[in-house]
Amino acid sequence: MIWFAVIITAFILIEDYLQENFQESIEAIHDKPIPLFSIFFASEVLFGFVPPEFFMMVWILHDIPVQNYVINLSILTAFSYIAGIIGYYIGSRFSKTALYRRIHDRYLYQYDTQLKRYGGYLVFVGAVTPLPFSAVCMLAGSIQFNFRDFVLICITRILRFLVYGWMVWSFPNWFA
């Protein structure tokens, strides 16, 4: 939450500057939703390098209606959930490679018991916090965490997008 508070505070402080100096760039990004969603999806599959809040803020800067924001947020949520499942399968497949076995035997073996015991908590924390969700999903797949439990726990990812989406939408108006 501290990381998110820093992002929102920085956004509020520079919002006017961004709108004055980068409005054309923001409109160009906003007018091309397919590349925007593609970048988000690729980021979510590959360790989540770009936080979802960035994409939420692009729409806020463009001043879209709330119903369009909700639709876009729903698409981001679905893509993130699907990317998590893909991450699980990547981890599951990677755990069968010789490279993983060497890494596992050298560094991870001592954590096997804890990962299997608390894997559900780890997936939950990855789903609702800014931790890289895909990396957590890959880890869950690599330890062969029960897929059904994994999918059910990942539904909490929706909660993160609801709360963070509401915060991104609401907070700049509080300080206007």
Protein backbone atom coordinates (compact mmCIF):
# COMPACT_ATOMS: atom_id res chain seq x y z
CA MET A 1 0.00 0.00 0.00
CA ILE A 2 2.91 2.36 0.64
CA TRP A 3 4.11 1.85 -2.94
CA PHE A 4 0.64 2.60 -4.23
CA ALA A 5 0.37 5.70 -2.04
CA VAL A 6 3.65 6.97 -3.49
CA ILE A 7 2.41 6.39 -7.05
CA ILE A 8 -0.91 8.16 -6.42
CA THR A 9 0.77 11.09 -4.63
CA ALA A 10 3.26 11.53 -7.47
CA PHE A 11 0.42 11.31 -9.99
CA ILE A 12 -1.61 13.97 -8.19
CA LEU A 13 1.40 16.27 -8.00
CA ILE A 14 2.31 15.99 -11.68
CA GLU A 15 -1.16 15.51 -13.21
CA ASP A 16 -1.50 19.11 -14.42
CA TYR A 17 2.03 19.12 -15.81
CA LEU A 18 1.38 15.89 -17.72
CA GLN A 19 -1.90 17.16 -19.15
CA GLU A 20 -0.36 20.46 -20.27
CA ASN A 21 2.81 19.04 -21.82
CA PHE A 22 1.92 15.53 -22.91
CA GLN A 23 -1.76 15.72 -23.87
CA GLU A 24 -1.07 14.73 -27.49
CA SER A 25 0.96 11.70 -26.39
CA ILE A 26 -1.71 10.70 -23.90
CA GLU A 27 -4.40 10.95 -26.58
CA ALA A 28 -2.27 8.92 -28.99
CA ILE A 29 -1.85 6.18 -26.39
CA HIS A 30 -5.53 6.29 -25.45
CA ASP A 31 -6.69 6.17 -29.08
CA LYS A 32 -4.86 2.85 -29.61
CA PRO A 33 -6.31 0.46 -27.03
CA ILE A 34 -5.07 -2.75 -28.70
CA PRO A 35 -1.34 -1.90 -28.27
CA LEU A 36 -2.07 -0.60 -24.77
CA PHE A 37 -3.80 -3.82 -23.72
CA SER A 38 -1.12 -5.89 -25.50
CA ILE A 39 1.67 -4.15 -23.58
CA PHE A 40 -0.21 -4.73 -20.33
CA PHE A 41 -0.83 -8.40 -21.11
CA ALA A 42 2.81 -9.00 -22.10
CA SER A 43 3.94 -7.23 -18.94
CA GLU A 44 1.63 -9.32 -16.78
CA VAL A 45 2.86 -12.57 -18.32
CA LEU A 46 6.52 -11.53 -18.07
CA PHE A 47 6.80 -10.74 -14.35
CA GLY A 48 4.54 -7.65 -14.31
CA PHE A 49 7.16 -5.00 -14.99
CA VAL A 50 4.59 -2.27 -15.69
CA PRO A 51 2.14 -1.80 -12.81
CA PRO A 52 -1.56 -1.84 -13.74
CA GLU A 53 -1.96 1.54 -12.07
CA PHE A 54 -0.01 3.10 -14.94
CA PHE A 55 -2.68 1.98 -17.40
CA MET A 56 -5.43 3.19 -15.08
CA MET A 57 -3.78 6.60 -14.92
CA VAL A 58 -3.56 6.88 -18.71
CA TRP A 59 -7.35 6.79 -18.83
CA ILE A 60 -7.72 9.24 -15.95
CA LEU A 61 -5.45 11.73 -17.75
CA HIS A 62 -7.62 11.39 -20.84
CA ASP A 63 -10.68 12.20 -18.75
CA ILE A 64 -12.87 9.31 -19.90
CA PRO A 65 -16.39 8.66 -18.62
CA VAL A 66 -16.68 6.34 -15.63
CA GLN A 67 -18.44 3.60 -17.64
CA ASN A 68 -15.54 3.44 -20.12
CA TYR A 69 -13.09 3.37 -17.22
CA VAL A 70 -14.98 0.43 -15.68
CA ILE A 71 -14.96 -1.44 -19.02
CA ASN A 72 -11.22 -0.86 -19.46
CA LEU A 73 -10.57 -1.87 -15.87
CA SER A 74 -12.58 -5.06 -16.39
CA ILE A 75 -10.48 -5.90 -19.44
CA LEU A 76 -7.27 -5.30 -17.46
CA THR A 77 -8.58 -7.53 -14.68
CA ALA A 78 -9.43 -10.37 -17.07
CA PHE A 79 -6.05 -10.09 -18.81
CA SER A 80 -4.24 -10.12 -15.47
CA TYR A 81 -6.14 -13.23 -14.34
CA ILE A 82 -5.41 -15.02 -17.62
CA ALA A 83 -1.75 -13.95 -17.44
CA GLY A 84 -1.57 -15.46 -13.94
CA ILE A 85 -2.83 -18.80 -15.26
CA ILE A 86 -0.30 -18.65 -18.10
CA GLY A 87 2.38 -17.88 -15.50
CA TYR A 88 1.32 -20.96 -13.54
CA TYR A 89 1.75 -23.14 -16.63
CA ILE A 90 5.12 -21.54 -17.44
CA GLY A 91 6.29 -22.35 -13.90
CA SER A 92 4.88 -25.85 -14.14
CA ARG A 93 6.70 -26.53 -17.43
CA PHE A 94 9.92 -24.82 -16.33
CA SER A 95 10.07 -26.99 -13.20
CA LYS A 96 10.62 -30.01 -15.45
CA THR A 97 13.81 -28.62 -17.01
CA ALA A 98 17.38 -29.45 -16.06
CA LEU A 99 18.12 -25.77 -15.37
CA TYR A 100 15.33 -25.61 -12.81
CA ARG A 101 16.52 -28.83 -11.17
CA ARG A 102 20.01 -27.35 -10.74
CA ILE A 103 18.61 -24.11 -9.30
CA HIS A 104 16.20 -26.03 -7.11
CA ASP A 105 18.80 -28.43 -5.75
CA ARG A 106 21.26 -25.62 -5.04
CA TYR A 107 19.02 -22.83 -3.71
CA LEU A 108 15.34 -23.72 -3.36
CA TYR A 109 15.27 -27.21 -1.88
CA GLN A 110 15.39 -25.86 1.69
CA TYR A 111 12.21 -23.81 1.06
CA ASP A 112 10.10 -26.60 -0.46
CA THR A 113 8.19 -27.40 2.71
CA GLN A 114 7.31 -23.78 3.42
CA LEU A 115 6.35 -23.06 -0.18
CA LYS A 116 4.02 -26.04 -0.31
CA ARG A 117 2.59 -25.27 3.11
CA TYR A 118 2.08 -21.51 2.61
CA GLY A 119 1.76 -21.41 -1.18
CA GLY A 120 -1.89 -20.36 -1.00
CA TYR A 121 -1.03 -17.39 1.20
CA LEU A 122 1.75 -16.42 -1.17
CA VAL A 123 -0.62 -16.52 -4.15
CA PHE A 124 -3.15 -14.43 -2.21
CA VAL A 125 -0.53 -11.83 -1.28
CA GLY A 126 0.69 -11.73 -4.89
CA ALA A 127 -2.87 -11.27 -6.13
CA VAL A 128 -3.81 -8.34 -3.89
CA THR A 129 -0.51 -6.45 -3.50
CA PRO A 130 1.98 -4.86 -5.89
CA LEU A 131 4.20 -7.95 -5.75
CA PRO A 132 4.87 -9.30 -9.25
CA PHE A 133 1.80 -11.48 -9.66
CA SER A 134 3.15 -13.45 -12.60
CA ALA A 135 6.33 -14.37 -10.72
CA VAL A 136 4.24 -15.63 -7.81
CA CYS A 137 2.10 -17.63 -10.25
CA MET A 138 5.19 -19.12 -11.86
CA LEU A 139 6.47 -20.09 -8.44
CA ALA A 140 3.11 -21.72 -7.61
CA GLY A 141 3.29 -23.67 -10.86
CA SER A 142 6.87 -24.74 -10.22
CA ILE A 143 5.95 -26.28 -6.85
CA GLN A 144 2.91 -27.97 -8.42
CA PHE A 145 0.50 -26.08 -6.19
CA ASN A 146 -3.02 -27.47 -6.59
CA PHE A 147 -4.39 -25.82 -9.75
CA ARG A 148 -7.99 -25.69 -8.56
CA ASP A 149 -6.97 -23.94 -5.33
CA PHE A 150 -4.69 -21.66 -7.31
CA VAL A 151 -7.49 -20.56 -9.66
CA LEU A 152 -9.86 -19.93 -6.75
CA ILE A 153 -7.31 -17.90 -4.80
CA CYS A 154 -6.44 -15.87 -7.91
CA ILE A 155 -10.02 -14.62 -8.05
CA THR A 156 -8.93 -12.23 -5.29
CA ARG A 157 -7.00 -10.42 -8.04
CA ILE A 158 -10.36 -8.88 -8.93
CA LEU A 159 -10.44 -7.30 -5.49
CA ARG A 160 -7.11 -5.58 -6.11
CA PHE A 161 -8.29 -4.11 -9.39
CA LEU A 162 -11.56 -2.95 -7.85
CA VAL A 163 -9.89 -1.22 -4.92
CA TYR A 164 -6.95 0.23 -6.85
CA GLY A 165 -9.19 1.25 -9.75
CA TRP A 166 -11.52 3.07 -7.40
CA MET A 167 -8.56 4.76 -5.68
CA VAL A 168 -7.01 5.88 -8.98
CA TRP A 169 -10.38 7.23 -10.10
CA SER A 170 -11.30 8.92 -6.80
CA PHE A 171 -8.11 10.25 -5.22
CA PRO A 172 -7.23 12.95 -7.78
CA ASN A 173 -10.75 14.40 -7.33
CA TRP A 174 -10.25 14.61 -3.57
CA PHE A 175 -7.31 16.94 -4.05
CA ALA A 176 -8.70 19.01 -6.92
